[in-house]
């Protein structure tokens, strides 16, 4: 079982099936949208 966690806010995004227990980091939709808003200002 694996877990994908937001690297910005540390919330759990989703779980996925895997042979090993693992944690992967990505950005959730909320934090990803905030990043784009900062770029346009």
C-alpha atoms as a PDB file:
ATOM      1  CA  UNK A   1       0.000   0.000   0.000  1.00  0.00           C
ATOM      2  CA  UNK A   2       1.336   3.389  -0.933  1.00  0.00           C
ATOM      3  CA  UNK A   3       0.252   6.896  -0.067  1.00  0.00           C
ATOM      4  CA  UNK A   4       0.609  10.108  -2.056  1.00  0.00           C
ATOM      5  CA  UNK A   5       1.005  13.138   0.232  1.00  0.00           C
ATOM      6  CA  UNK A   6       1.025  16.852  -0.635  1.00  0.00           C
ATOM      7  CA  UNK A   7       4.547  18.204  -0.168  1.00  0.00           C
ATOM      8  CA  UNK A   8       3.183  21.649   0.713  1.00  0.00           C
ATOM      9  CA  UNK A   9       0.358  21.022   3.197  1.00  0.00           C
ATOM     10  CA  UNK A  10       1.057  17.343   4.103  1.00  0.00           C
ATOM     11  CA  UNK A  11      -2.522  16.250   3.400  1.00  0.00           C
ATOM     12  CA  UNK A  12      -3.145  12.785   1.988  1.00  0.00           C
ATOM     13  CA  UNK A  13      -4.050  12.996  -1.702  1.00  0.00           C
ATOM     14  CA  UNK A  14      -4.714   9.309  -2.456  1.00  0.00           C
ATOM     15  CA  UNK A  15      -3.673   5.731  -1.788  1.00  0.00           C
ATOM     16  CA  UNK A  16      -2.424   3.213  -4.345  1.00  0.00           C
ATOM     17  CA  UNK A  17      -1.668  -0.495  -4.460  1.00  0.00           C
ATOM     18  CA  UNK A  18       2.010  -1.447  -4.253  1.00  0.00           C
ATOM     19  CA  UNK A  19       3.981  -4.406  -2.939  1.00  0.00           C
ATOM     20  CA  UNK A  20       5.876  -2.185  -0.500  1.00  0.00           C
ATOM     21  CA  UNK A  21       4.659   0.466   1.910  1.00  0.00           C
ATOM     22  CA  UNK A  22       5.757   3.774   0.421  1.00  0.00           C
ATOM     23  CA  UNK A  23       5.083   7.491   0.564  1.00  0.00           C
ATOM     24  CA  UNK A  24       5.314   9.653  -2.542  1.00  0.00           C
ATOM     25  CA  UNK A  25       5.125  13.437  -2.533  1.00  0.00           C
ATOM     26  CA  UNK A  26       3.250  15.647  -5.008  1.00  0.00           C
ATOM     27  CA  UNK A  27       1.146  18.801  -4.839  1.00  0.00           C
ATOM     28  CA  UNK A  28      -2.587  18.618  -4.221  1.00  0.00           C
ATOM     29  CA  UNK A  29      -5.006  20.533  -6.459  1.00  0.00           C
ATOM     30  CA  UNK A  30      -5.498  23.252  -3.843  1.00  0.00           C
ATOM     31  CA  UNK A  31      -1.760  23.982  -3.405  1.00  0.00           C
ATOM     32  CA  UNK A  32      -1.142  23.641  -7.136  1.00  0.00           C
ATOM     33  CA  UNK A  33      -3.788  26.326  -7.837  1.00  0.00           C
ATOM     34  CA  UNK A  34      -2.246  28.651  -5.214  1.00  0.00           C
ATOM     35  CA  UNK A  35       1.126  28.312  -6.943  1.00  0.00           C
ATOM     36  CA  UNK A  36      -0.337  29.396 -10.293  1.00  0.00           C
ATOM     37  CA  UNK A  37      -2.048  32.420  -8.719  1.00  0.00           C
ATOM     38  CA  UNK A  38       1.295  33.609  -7.274  1.00  0.00           C
ATOM     39  CA  UNK A  39       2.966  33.274 -10.700  1.00  0.00           C
ATOM     40  CA  UNK A  40       0.433  35.554 -12.390  1.00  0.00           C
ATOM     41  CA  UNK A  41       0.773  38.425  -9.901  1.00  0.00           C
END
